[in-house]
Amino acid sequence: MARRPNYKFERMERDRAKAAKKAARAQLKAEKAEQRKVGDETGESPTDETSTDGSTSDETSPEN
């Protein structure tokens, strides 16, 4: 015997999954915005790659 469809429950499950996915995306977006905001306040751009000694990856070796 086939199972009886429960349309209301299935719809609620789809809506719950959609809401969870939307919330995760919103949280990620908020975190990225916060990182940009912190970067703007310190004067650093998030794309700057600085090593521990303070030199960037764009710099060349010192003159010999």
C-alpha atoms as a PDB file:
ATOM      1  CA  MET A   1       0.000   0.000   0.000  1.00  0.00           C
ATOM      2  CA  ALA A   2       1.347   3.373  -0.950  1.00  0.00           C
ATOM      3  CA  ARG A   3       1.848   6.056   1.634  1.00  0.00           C
ATOM      4  CA  ARG A   4      -0.691   8.808   1.950  1.00  0.00           C
ATOM      5  CA  PRO A   5       0.713  12.232   0.984  1.00  0.00           C
ATOM      6  CA  ASN A   6       0.949  14.873   3.677  1.00  0.00           C
ATOM      7  CA  TYR A   7       1.123  18.039   1.619  1.00  0.00           C
ATOM      8  CA  LYS A   8       1.040  20.427   4.571  1.00  0.00           C
ATOM      9  CA  PHE A   9       3.991  18.725   6.282  1.00  0.00           C
ATOM     10  CA  GLU A  10       6.024  18.561   3.068  1.00  0.00           C
ATOM     11  CA  ARG A  11       5.373  22.230   2.400  1.00  0.00           C
ATOM     12  CA  MET A  12       6.441  23.144   5.939  1.00  0.00           C
ATOM     13  CA  GLU A  13       9.655  21.136   5.526  1.00  0.00           C
ATOM     14  CA  ARG A  14      10.471  22.903   2.235  1.00  0.00           C
ATOM     15  CA  ASP A  15       9.785  26.297   3.804  1.00  0.00           C
ATOM     16  CA  ARG A  16      11.931  25.423   6.835  1.00  0.00           C
ATOM     17  CA  ALA A  17      14.841  24.377   4.628  1.00  0.00           C
ATOM     18  CA  LYS A  18      14.484  27.506   2.511  1.00  0.00           C
ATOM     19  CA  ALA A  19      14.459  29.734   5.620  1.00  0.00           C
ATOM     20  CA  ALA A  20      17.570  28.035   7.020  1.00  0.00           C
ATOM     21  CA  LYS A  21      19.427  28.510   3.746  1.00  0.00           C
ATOM     22  CA  LYS A  22      18.358  32.146   3.559  1.00  0.00           C
ATOM     23  CA  ALA A  23      19.472  32.768   7.160  1.00  0.00           C
ATOM     24  CA  ALA A  24      22.874  31.211   6.480  1.00  0.00           C
ATOM     25  CA  ARG A  25      23.360  33.439   3.439  1.00  0.00           C
ATOM     26  CA  ALA A  26      22.311  36.532   5.394  1.00  0.00           C
ATOM     27  CA  GLN A  27      24.749  35.690   8.188  1.00  0.00           C
ATOM     28  CA  LEU A  28      27.602  35.228   5.719  1.00  0.00           C
ATOM     29  CA  LYS A  29      26.741  38.512   4.039  1.00  0.00           C
ATOM     30  CA  ALA A  30      26.665  40.305   7.415  1.00  0.00           C
ATOM     31  CA  GLU A  31      30.062  38.847   8.360  1.00  0.00           C
ATOM     32  CA  LYS A  32      31.596  40.018   5.090  1.00  0.00           C
ATOM     33  CA  ALA A  33      30.107  43.489   5.572  1.00  0.00           C
ATOM     34  CA  GLU A  34      31.542  43.619   9.105  1.00  0.00           C
ATOM     35  CA  GLN A  35      34.983  42.625   7.820  1.00  0.00           C
ATOM     36  CA  ARG A  36      34.822  45.374   5.189  1.00  0.00           C
ATOM     37  CA  LYS A  37      33.729  47.869   7.829  1.00  0.00           C
ATOM     38  CA  VAL A  38      36.598  46.929  10.155  1.00  0.00           C
ATOM     39  CA  GLY A  39      39.025  47.092   7.231  1.00  0.00           C
ATOM     40  CA  ASP A  40      37.805  50.563   6.287  1.00  0.00           C
ATOM     41  CA  GLU A  41      38.213  51.824   9.855  1.00  0.00           C
ATOM     42  CA  THR A  42      41.818  50.618  10.072  1.00  0.00           C
ATOM     43  CA  GLY A  43      42.681  51.887   6.601  1.00  0.00           C
ATOM     44  CA  GLU A  44      43.530  48.442   5.295  1.00  0.00           C
ATOM     45  CA  SER A  45      41.819  46.832   2.367  1.00  0.00           C
ATOM     46  CA  PRO A  46      40.841  43.177   2.792  1.00  0.00           C
ATOM     47  CA  THR A  47      42.770  42.253  -0.370  1.00  0.00           C
ATOM     48  CA  ASP A  48      46.157  43.356   1.049  1.00  0.00           C
ATOM     49  CA  GLU A  49      48.269  40.326   1.775  1.00  0.00           C
ATOM     50  CA  THR A  50      50.696  41.217   4.525  1.00  0.00           C
ATOM     51  CA  SER A  51      53.156  38.729   5.935  1.00  0.00           C
ATOM     52  CA  THR A  52      54.231  38.620   9.576  1.00  0.00           C
ATOM     53  CA  ASP A  53      57.295  40.843   8.988  1.00  0.00           C
ATOM     54  CA  GLY A  54      55.128  43.604   7.514  1.00  0.00           C
ATOM     55  CA  SER A  55      56.163  43.209   3.888  1.00  0.00           C
ATOM     56  CA  THR A  56      53.551  42.654   1.227  1.00  0.00           C
ATOM     57  CA  SER A  57      53.694  40.004  -1.454  1.00  0.00           C
ATOM     58  CA  ASP A  58      53.970  42.724  -4.125  1.00  0.00           C
ATOM     59  CA  GLU A  59      57.348  43.948  -2.918  1.00  0.00           C
ATOM     60  CA  THR A  60      60.532  42.856  -4.665  1.00  0.00           C
ATOM     61  CA  SER A  61      63.711  41.815  -2.926  1.00  0.00           C
ATOM     62  CA  PRO A  62      65.962  44.604  -1.573  1.00  0.00           C
ATOM     63  CA  GLU A  63      68.564  46.042  -3.908  1.00  0.00           C
ATOM     64  CA  ASN A  64      71.855  44.092  -3.911  1.00  0.00           C
END
